[in-house]
C-alpha cells in the first residue's frame, strides 16, 4: 500500500549508499533497528541515493539521513528592459505609477 501511494506521486524508494543503523538504544535489550524509508523522485541516478550519518547523531538516538542534490550550472538568458531617462516613456511610466 505504501509503495502504491509513493508511486502515485512518482516517488521511488531511495537506495542506501552504506548500511548503518539509524536508531541507537541505550538499553541492550532493544535492537538498534528502525524501519527508515526514504522516497525520492528519481529523475537522475545521482539524486536517487541517500546517506546515513551515525557519527552526526550527537546526543540524539537517531542518525541523520541526507540526500545529495546536485545543482548544475545553467545559463539562463534574461532580457533587460529599461527606460531612457527623461524620455516620454519614462514620464508616462512615472505618471502611471503615481
Protein backbone atom coordinates (compact mmCIF):
# COMPACT_ATOMS: atom_id res chain seq x y z
CA UNK A 1 0.00 0.00 0.00
CA UNK A 2 2.75 2.48 0.95
CA UNK A 3 4.65 1.80 -2.27
CA UNK A 4 1.47 2.30 -4.31
CA UNK A 5 0.93 5.71 -2.71
CA UNK A 6 4.57 6.68 -3.33
CA UNK A 7 4.26 5.52 -6.93
CA UNK A 8 1.14 7.66 -7.42
CA UNK A 9 3.32 10.71 -6.58
CA UNK A 10 6.10 9.49 -8.94
CA UNK A 11 8.33 8.67 -5.96
CA UNK A 12 10.57 5.64 -5.56
CA UNK A 13 12.42 4.10 -2.66
CA UNK A 14 15.87 5.64 -2.39
CA UNK A 15 18.94 3.41 -2.43
CA UNK A 16 21.34 3.31 0.51
CA UNK A 17 24.98 4.15 -0.13
CA UNK A 18 26.06 2.27 3.02
CA UNK A 19 24.04 0.25 5.50
CA UNK A 20 24.18 1.69 9.04
CA UNK A 21 21.61 1.55 11.83
CA UNK A 22 19.53 4.70 12.18
CA UNK A 23 18.44 4.26 15.80
CA UNK A 24 20.74 3.70 18.76
CA UNK A 25 19.27 2.44 22.03
CA UNK A 26 20.79 2.85 25.50
CA UNK A 27 19.02 -0.35 26.50
CA UNK A 28 20.88 -3.53 25.47
CA UNK A 29 17.57 -5.40 25.32
CA UNK A 30 16.32 -3.21 22.45
CA UNK A 31 17.52 -3.83 18.94
CA UNK A 32 19.12 -0.90 17.15
CA UNK A 33 16.67 -1.21 14.28
CA UNK A 34 14.11 1.20 12.91
CA UNK A 35 12.36 0.99 9.57
CA UNK A 36 13.54 4.15 7.81
CA UNK A 37 12.34 4.57 4.27
CA UNK A 38 13.43 7.49 2.10
CA UNK A 39 11.42 8.23 -1.01
CA UNK A 40 12.81 10.46 -3.74
CA UNK A 41 11.77 11.45 -7.20
CA UNK A 42 14.32 9.54 -9.25
CA UNK A 43 14.84 11.99 -12.08
CA UNK A 44 18.51 11.01 -12.22
CA UNK A 45 20.73 8.34 -10.73
CA UNK A 46 22.73 10.98 -8.82
CA UNK A 47 19.63 12.06 -6.90
CA UNK A 48 18.39 8.58 -6.03
CA UNK A 49 20.78 7.77 -3.16
CA UNK A 50 20.68 8.73 0.50
CA UNK A 51 23.33 8.59 3.22
CA UNK A 52 23.05 7.64 6.89
CA UNK A 53 25.45 9.52 9.20
CA UNK A 54 25.75 7.68 12.54
CA UNK A 55 28.66 9.93 13.58
CA UNK A 56 26.46 13.06 13.30
CA UNK A 57 23.88 11.95 15.86
CA UNK A 58 25.48 13.75 18.84
CA UNK A 59 23.07 13.34 21.81
CA UNK A 60 20.19 12.07 19.67
CA UNK A 61 19.39 8.37 19.48
CA UNK A 62 18.78 8.66 15.73
CA UNK A 63 21.31 9.05 12.96
CA UNK A 64 20.84 11.80 10.40
CA UNK A 65 19.80 10.86 6.87
CA UNK A 66 20.77 13.13 3.98
CA UNK A 67 20.18 13.22 0.24
CA UNK A 68 22.67 14.93 -2.06
CA UNK A 69 21.04 17.16 -4.64
CA UNK A 70 23.43 18.15 -7.40
CA UNK A 71 22.77 21.53 -8.95
CA UNK A 72 24.28 22.05 -12.36
CA UNK A 73 25.49 25.41 -13.56
CA UNK A 74 23.00 26.70 -16.06
CA UNK A 75 22.98 29.80 -18.17
CA UNK A 76 19.51 31.32 -18.21
CA UNK A 77 19.17 34.05 -20.82
CA UNK A 78 17.48 37.17 -19.49
CA UNK A 79 16.19 40.23 -21.21
CA UNK A 80 16.78 43.59 -19.58
CA UNK A 81 14.28 46.33 -20.12
CA UNK A 82 14.95 49.94 -19.31
CA UNK A 83 13.55 53.37 -19.96
CA UNK A 84 15.68 56.20 -21.23
CA UNK A 85 15.94 58.90 -18.56
CA UNK A 86 13.83 61.94 -19.44
CA UNK A 87 12.03 60.18 -22.31
CA UNK A 88 8.27 60.35 -22.89
CA UNK A 89 8.03 56.64 -21.99
CA UNK A 90 9.71 57.28 -18.64
CA UNK A 91 7.36 60.19 -17.90
CA UNK A 92 4.31 58.08 -18.81
CA UNK A 93 5.57 55.21 -16.64
CA UNK A 94 6.07 57.51 -13.60
CA UNK A 95 2.63 59.09 -14.20
CA UNK A 96 1.02 55.62 -14.30
CA UNK A 97 2.73 54.67 -11.04
CA UNK A 98 1.57 57.76 -9.20
